[in-house]
């Protein structure tokens, strides 16, 4: 994928995810399956019939959901039987471009701290203004080339 394509894909994905970031979804403490089922006045037996499983399976699904041990496939099937759409998403806590900028800035600050320390030992330390300018320049380079090493551990 070219740099331009990656940038467009990132902006498009960010646009789709922005509403989810601003309106966080809080999962009911008893799980979505039980909350929706009970809200509809549906019994475990009735949901089980709709799913083509034994009633004990619905109880197992509800318990597994609250424990975080249910599969996506099971959630999708359960949602369908409840007349719901199953939605699965990773919602970044901030815009993707901002995440990239922050990571590049972290990377650059670490590089510059090491470089400035070495230069200080040689009595060639950069001024704070020069360091800031160099940080901006290097962050721009990281973001322009979107090097795969951006996310490597330091």
Protein backbone atom coordinates (compact mmCIF):
# COMPACT_ATOMS: atom_id res chain seq x y z
CA UNK A 1 0.00 0.00 0.00
CA UNK A 2 1.44 3.37 -0.97
CA UNK A 3 1.92 6.15 1.56
CA UNK A 4 -0.94 8.13 0.00
CA UNK A 5 -3.28 5.12 0.06
CA UNK A 6 -2.39 4.41 3.70
CA UNK A 7 -3.10 8.01 4.61
CA UNK A 8 -6.50 7.96 2.85
CA UNK A 9 -7.39 4.60 4.42
CA UNK A 10 -6.43 5.95 7.87
CA UNK A 11 -8.55 9.09 7.42
CA UNK A 12 -11.52 7.04 6.19
CA UNK A 13 -11.25 4.60 9.10
CA UNK A 14 -10.90 7.46 11.56
CA UNK A 15 -14.05 9.08 10.18
CA UNK A 16 -15.99 5.86 10.73
CA UNK A 17 -14.65 5.37 14.25
CA UNK A 18 -14.99 8.98 15.47
CA UNK A 19 -18.65 8.61 16.59
CA UNK A 20 -17.74 5.54 18.65
CA UNK A 21 -14.90 7.43 20.32
CA UNK A 22 -17.19 10.30 21.34
CA UNK A 23 -20.04 8.10 22.57
CA UNK A 24 -18.46 5.23 24.49
CA UNK A 25 -20.54 2.08 24.65
CA UNK A 26 -20.88 0.66 28.13
CA UNK A 27 -21.49 -3.07 28.20
CA UNK A 28 -24.33 -4.11 30.55
CA UNK A 29 -22.93 -5.86 33.64
CA UNK A 30 -25.02 -8.96 32.89
CA UNK A 31 -23.92 -8.98 29.22
CA UNK A 32 -25.63 -7.97 26.00
CA UNK A 33 -27.30 -11.34 25.42
CA UNK A 34 -29.14 -11.38 28.71
CA UNK A 35 -29.89 -7.63 28.67
CA UNK A 36 -31.44 -7.75 25.17
CA UNK A 37 -33.20 -11.06 25.76
CA UNK A 38 -34.80 -9.85 28.99
CA UNK A 39 -35.65 -6.44 27.48
CA UNK A 40 -37.55 -8.26 24.74
CA UNK A 41 -39.34 -10.45 27.31
CA UNK A 42 -37.77 -13.55 25.76
CA UNK A 43 -37.03 -16.62 27.89
CA UNK A 44 -33.86 -18.69 27.60
CA UNK A 45 -35.98 -21.49 26.14
CA UNK A 46 -37.39 -19.17 23.45
CA UNK A 47 -33.93 -17.87 22.51
CA UNK A 48 -32.62 -21.43 22.47
CA UNK A 49 -35.39 -22.43 20.03
CA UNK A 50 -34.51 -19.51 17.76
CA UNK A 51 -30.85 -20.55 17.85
CA UNK A 52 -31.56 -24.26 17.45
CA UNK A 53 -29.78 -25.17 20.69
CA UNK A 54 -30.68 -26.50 24.13
CA UNK A 55 -31.78 -23.91 26.75
CA UNK A 56 -28.71 -24.79 28.84
CA UNK A 57 -26.57 -23.53 25.93
CA UNK A 58 -28.13 -20.06 26.21
CA UNK A 59 -27.33 -19.98 29.92
CA UNK A 60 -23.77 -21.06 29.12
CA UNK A 61 -23.47 -18.33 26.48
CA UNK A 62 -24.73 -15.67 28.89
CA UNK A 63 -22.25 -16.74 31.59
CA UNK A 64 -19.39 -16.99 29.10
CA UNK A 65 -20.17 -13.52 27.76
CA UNK A 66 -19.94 -11.90 31.19
CA UNK A 67 -16.68 -13.79 31.83
CA UNK A 68 -15.27 -12.66 28.48
CA UNK A 69 -14.95 -16.24 27.31
CA UNK A 70 -17.44 -16.32 24.43
CA UNK A 71 -16.38 -16.53 20.78
CA UNK A 72 -17.18 -13.92 18.17
CA UNK A 73 -18.95 -16.61 16.14
CA UNK A 74 -21.27 -17.39 19.07
CA UNK A 75 -21.97 -13.69 19.68
CA UNK A 76 -22.78 -13.21 15.99
CA UNK A 77 -25.21 -16.18 16.02
CA UNK A 78 -26.81 -15.04 19.28
CA UNK A 79 -27.23 -11.48 18.04
CA UNK A 80 -28.90 -12.78 14.88
CA UNK A 81 -31.32 -14.89 16.90
CA UNK A 82 -32.16 -11.79 18.96
CA UNK A 83 -32.81 -9.76 15.82
CA UNK A 84 -29.70 -7.68 16.45
CA UNK A 85 -26.66 -6.76 14.42
CA UNK A 86 -23.37 -7.89 15.98
CA UNK A 87 -20.74 -5.16 15.91
CA UNK A 88 -17.09 -5.77 16.69
CA UNK A 89 -14.59 -2.92 16.64
CA UNK A 90 -11.34 -1.61 18.02
CA UNK A 91 -11.95 2.05 18.81
CA UNK A 92 -8.77 4.12 19.12
CA UNK A 93 -8.81 6.45 22.11
CA UNK A 94 -7.74 9.33 19.86
CA UNK A 95 -7.50 9.98 16.10
CA UNK A 96 -5.12 7.65 14.25
CA UNK A 97 -3.05 10.54 12.87
CA UNK A 98 -2.59 11.79 16.43
CA UNK A 99 -1.48 8.32 17.55
CA UNK A 100 1.10 8.24 14.75
CA UNK A 101 2.35 11.73 15.60
CA UNK A 102 2.67 10.89 19.30
CA UNK A 103 4.61 7.69 18.55
CA UNK A 104 6.94 9.49 16.13
CA UNK A 105 7.50 12.26 18.69
CA UNK A 106 8.31 9.69 21.39
CA UNK A 107 10.74 7.95 19.08
CA UNK A 108 12.42 11.23 18.11
CA UNK A 109 12.64 12.50 21.70
CA UNK A 110 14.40 9.26 22.71
CA UNK A 111 16.82 9.54 19.79
CA UNK A 112 17.51 13.21 20.47
CA UNK A 113 17.98 12.68 24.21
CA UNK A 114 20.70 10.12 23.49
CA UNK A 115 22.28 12.29 20.78
CA UNK A 116 22.17 15.45 22.92
CA UNK A 117 23.72 13.59 25.86
CA UNK A 118 26.61 12.46 23.65
CA UNK A 119 27.04 15.96 22.22
CA UNK A 120 26.95 17.49 25.72
CA UNK A 121 29.78 15.17 26.74
CA UNK A 122 31.72 16.57 23.79
CA UNK A 123 30.69 20.11 24.79
CA UNK A 124 28.53 20.50 21.65
CA UNK A 125 25.06 20.43 23.21
CA UNK A 126 22.17 21.85 21.20
CA UNK A 127 20.13 24.76 22.50
CA UNK A 128 16.54 24.01 23.56
CA UNK A 129 15.28 25.89 20.46
CA UNK A 130 17.58 23.86 18.18
CA UNK A 131 16.40 20.64 19.84
CA UNK A 132 12.75 21.62 19.29
CA UNK A 133 13.41 22.45 15.62
CA UNK A 134 15.24 19.16 15.10
CA UNK A 135 12.42 17.28 16.84
CA UNK A 136 9.84 18.82 14.47
CA UNK A 137 11.99 18.02 11.45
CA UNK A 138 12.58 14.39 12.47
CA UNK A 139 8.93 13.80 13.41
CA UNK A 140 8.01 15.08 9.95
CA UNK A 141 10.46 12.61 8.41
CA UNK A 142 9.04 9.69 10.39
CA UNK A 143 5.52 10.61 9.34
CA UNK A 144 6.41 11.30 5.71
CA UNK A 145 8.03 7.91 5.24
CA UNK A 146 5.93 6.03 7.83
CA UNK A 147 8.80 3.70 8.52
CA UNK A 148 7.75 0.26 9.79
CA UNK A 149 10.25 0.68 12.62
CA UNK A 150 8.02 3.37 14.12
CA UNK A 151 6.36 0.83 16.41
CA UNK A 152 9.43 -1.20 17.30
CA UNK A 153 10.41 -1.31 20.92
CA UNK A 154 13.26 0.99 21.89
